[in-house]
């Protein structure tokens, strides 16, 4: 059975220790931590028990973390990482994001939501475009080892999927 809950430090740590290799590459490129163990500890401390941090799972096993952080007034950054079991909850995550997560950000006053993603992570880039984000500029040398990233964004007035039919 699928579930969604506020992410606890333990849930974030579990997902972070078991995340997909591409997610690990992306997060290590933008975090101070030097390896997967340090990263899992750091992410658990940063995103566990944080408002607007959610854990999605299946059969009581955490699979994915979805979170938003307010960068400055009315501008939010979203992040998501998952284990290889992501297909078990992917459609439900999409439904939740469209029906509840992004409307909550709008109700909180968001007029811009953005997400930075490592160049070449086409699976995630396709999902971001699907839910209504536009692909922005390539940020050259954005990662700590010179990795290039893309800024995806949504701003007030841009269309976003309103009815997540047949996604669950």
Protein backbone atom coordinates (compact mmCIF):
# COMPACT_ATOMS: atom_id res chain seq x y z
CA UNK A 1 0.00 0.00 0.00
CA UNK A 2 1.30 3.48 -0.92
CA UNK A 3 1.68 6.18 1.68
CA UNK A 4 2.65 9.82 2.00
CA UNK A 5 3.69 11.36 5.31
CA UNK A 6 5.68 14.26 6.68
CA UNK A 7 9.29 13.20 6.24
CA UNK A 8 11.05 12.28 9.46
CA UNK A 9 14.85 12.27 9.78
CA UNK A 10 14.77 8.46 9.72
CA UNK A 11 12.76 8.38 6.48
CA UNK A 12 15.03 10.93 4.81
CA UNK A 13 18.11 9.01 5.93
CA UNK A 14 16.75 5.71 4.58
CA UNK A 15 15.88 7.17 1.16
CA UNK A 16 19.19 9.04 1.05
CA UNK A 17 21.26 5.93 1.88
CA UNK A 18 19.45 3.97 -0.84
CA UNK A 19 18.91 6.60 -3.52
CA UNK A 20 19.30 6.05 -7.24
CA UNK A 21 22.86 6.56 -8.53
CA UNK A 22 21.88 9.56 -10.67
CA UNK A 23 20.20 11.26 -7.68
CA UNK A 24 23.35 10.66 -5.63
CA UNK A 25 25.51 12.19 -8.37
CA UNK A 26 23.25 15.23 -8.59
CA UNK A 27 23.07 15.85 -4.84
CA UNK A 28 26.78 15.28 -4.19
CA UNK A 29 27.47 17.90 -6.85
CA UNK A 30 25.59 20.62 -4.94
CA UNK A 31 26.12 19.67 -1.28
CA UNK A 32 29.14 20.14 0.96
CA UNK A 33 29.22 16.47 1.95
CA UNK A 34 31.92 14.35 0.31
CA UNK A 35 30.34 10.88 0.19
CA UNK A 36 27.03 9.03 0.35
CA UNK A 37 27.15 8.40 4.11
CA UNK A 38 27.82 12.05 4.97
CA UNK A 39 25.16 13.11 2.46
CA UNK A 40 22.51 10.86 4.02
CA UNK A 41 23.28 12.29 7.46
CA UNK A 42 23.21 15.86 6.17
CA UNK A 43 19.97 15.46 4.24
CA UNK A 44 18.27 13.79 7.22
CA UNK A 45 19.19 16.77 9.39
CA UNK A 46 18.12 19.31 6.82
CA UNK A 47 14.86 17.80 5.54
CA UNK A 48 13.58 15.59 8.37
CA UNK A 49 10.58 17.09 10.20
CA UNK A 50 10.69 20.17 7.96
CA UNK A 51 7.41 21.74 6.82
CA UNK A 52 6.74 20.85 3.18
CA UNK A 53 9.03 17.80 3.27
CA UNK A 54 7.15 14.65 2.37
CA UNK A 55 8.06 10.99 2.19
CA UNK A 56 6.34 8.66 -0.26
CA UNK A 57 6.57 4.96 0.22
CA UNK A 58 5.14 1.54 -0.35
CA UNK A 59 4.46 -1.23 2.19
CA UNK A 60 5.97 0.87 5.01
CA UNK A 61 9.24 1.38 3.12
CA UNK A 62 10.29 4.97 2.33
CA UNK A 63 10.97 5.45 -1.40
CA UNK A 64 11.01 9.17 -2.21
CA UNK A 65 11.47 12.57 -0.58
CA UNK A 66 9.78 15.67 -2.04
CA UNK A 67 10.53 18.98 -0.39
CA UNK A 68 10.27 22.73 -0.86
CA UNK A 69 12.33 25.46 0.74
CA UNK A 70 11.55 29.16 0.62
CA UNK A 71 14.64 30.84 -0.85
CA UNK A 72 13.39 34.38 -0.49
CA UNK A 73 9.92 35.96 -0.19
CA UNK A 74 7.50 34.09 -2.50
CA UNK A 75 10.28 32.17 -4.32
CA UNK A 76 10.59 28.46 -3.56
CA UNK A 77 13.04 25.74 -4.52
CA UNK A 78 11.83 22.14 -4.83
CA UNK A 79 13.87 18.98 -4.60
CA UNK A 80 13.16 15.30 -4.99
CA UNK A 81 15.24 12.12 -4.70
CA UNK A 82 14.27 8.47 -4.57
CA UNK A 83 15.34 4.87 -4.32
CA UNK A 84 15.26 2.51 -7.32
CA UNK A 85 11.74 1.50 -6.17
CA UNK A 86 10.46 4.87 -7.44
CA UNK A 87 8.15 3.26 -10.07
CA UNK A 88 6.01 1.89 -7.20
CA UNK A 89 4.96 5.43 -6.21
CA UNK A 90 5.84 7.60 -9.22
CA UNK A 91 2.30 8.14 -10.48
CA UNK A 92 1.05 8.81 -6.97
CA UNK A 93 3.83 11.34 -6.38
CA UNK A 94 2.84 13.11 -9.61
CA UNK A 95 -0.82 13.16 -8.54
CA UNK A 96 0.09 14.50 -5.08
CA UNK A 97 2.42 17.15 -6.48
CA UNK A 98 -0.20 18.48 -8.90
CA UNK A 99 -3.22 18.21 -6.63
CA UNK A 100 -1.73 19.26 -3.27
CA UNK A 101 1.96 20.20 -3.21
CA UNK A 102 2.11 22.96 -5.83
CA UNK A 103 -1.29 24.45 -4.85
CA UNK A 104 0.02 24.62 -1.25
CA UNK A 105 3.03 26.59 -2.46
CA UNK A 106 0.72 28.93 -4.36
CA UNK A 107 -1.45 29.37 -1.26
CA UNK A 108 1.72 30.20 0.68
CA UNK A 109 2.26 33.07 -1.76
CA UNK A 110 4.68 31.49 -4.22
CA UNK A 111 4.94 33.42 -7.44
CA UNK A 112 8.02 31.45 -8.57
CA UNK A 113 9.07 27.85 -7.99
CA UNK A 114 12.35 26.55 -9.32
CA UNK A 115 14.38 23.39 -9.43
CA UNK A 116 18.04 22.93 -10.37
CA UNK A 117 18.91 19.63 -12.04
CA UNK A 118 22.15 18.23 -13.37
CA UNK A 119 22.51 18.29 -17.16
CA UNK A 120 21.67 14.95 -18.74
CA UNK A 121 19.12 13.73 -16.17
CA UNK A 122 16.44 13.47 -18.84
CA UNK A 123 14.03 11.31 -16.81
CA UNK A 124 13.62 14.07 -14.22
CA UNK A 125 13.68 16.85 -16.80
CA UNK A 126 10.77 15.21 -18.65
CA UNK A 127 8.77 14.95 -15.43
CA UNK A 128 9.38 18.61 -14.58
CA UNK A 129 8.19 19.66 -18.04
CA UNK A 130 5.16 17.35 -17.73
CA UNK A 131 3.96 19.03 -14.54
CA UNK A 132 4.34 22.51 -16.02
CA UNK A 133 7.90 23.70 -15.45
CA UNK A 134 9.78 25.50 -18.22
CA UNK A 135 13.38 24.67 -18.97
CA UNK A 136 15.61 27.64 -18.36
CA UNK A 137 19.25 28.34 -18.88
CA UNK A 138 22.16 26.01 -18.38
CA UNK A 139 24.16 27.06 -15.34
CA UNK A 140 27.74 26.34 -16.38
CA UNK A 141 30.09 25.09 -13.66
CA UNK A 142 27.27 25.12 -11.05
CA UNK A 143 28.33 21.96 -9.20
CA UNK A 144 31.28 21.80 -6.83
CA UNK A 145 33.30 19.81 -9.38
CA UNK A 146 32.26 21.92 -12.35
CA UNK A 147 29.06 20.07 -13.24
CA UNK A 148 26.54 21.93 -15.38
CA UNK A 149 22.96 22.29 -14.15
CA UNK A 150 19.69 23.44 -15.70
CA UNK A 151 17.22 25.71 -13.93
CA UNK A 152 13.62 24.59 -14.37
CA UNK A 153 11.01 27.09 -13.25
CA UNK A 154 7.35 27.91 -12.96
CA UNK A 155 6.06 31.39 -12.26
CA UNK A 156 2.63 32.81 -11.60
CA UNK A 157 0.62 32.95 -14.79
CA UNK A 158 2.24 29.90 -16.39
CA UNK A 159 -0.07 26.94 -16.90
CA UNK A 160 0.27 24.01 -14.56
CA UNK A 161 -1.72 20.81 -14.82
CA UNK A 162 -4.96 21.45 -12.95
CA UNK A 163 -6.64 18.05 -13.15
CA UNK A 164 -4.36 15.09 -12.64
CA UNK A 165 -6.70 12.61 -14.36
CA UNK A 166 -5.68 9.00 -14.70
CA UNK A 167 -2.35 9.56 -12.97
CA UNK A 168 -2.89 7.61 -9.76
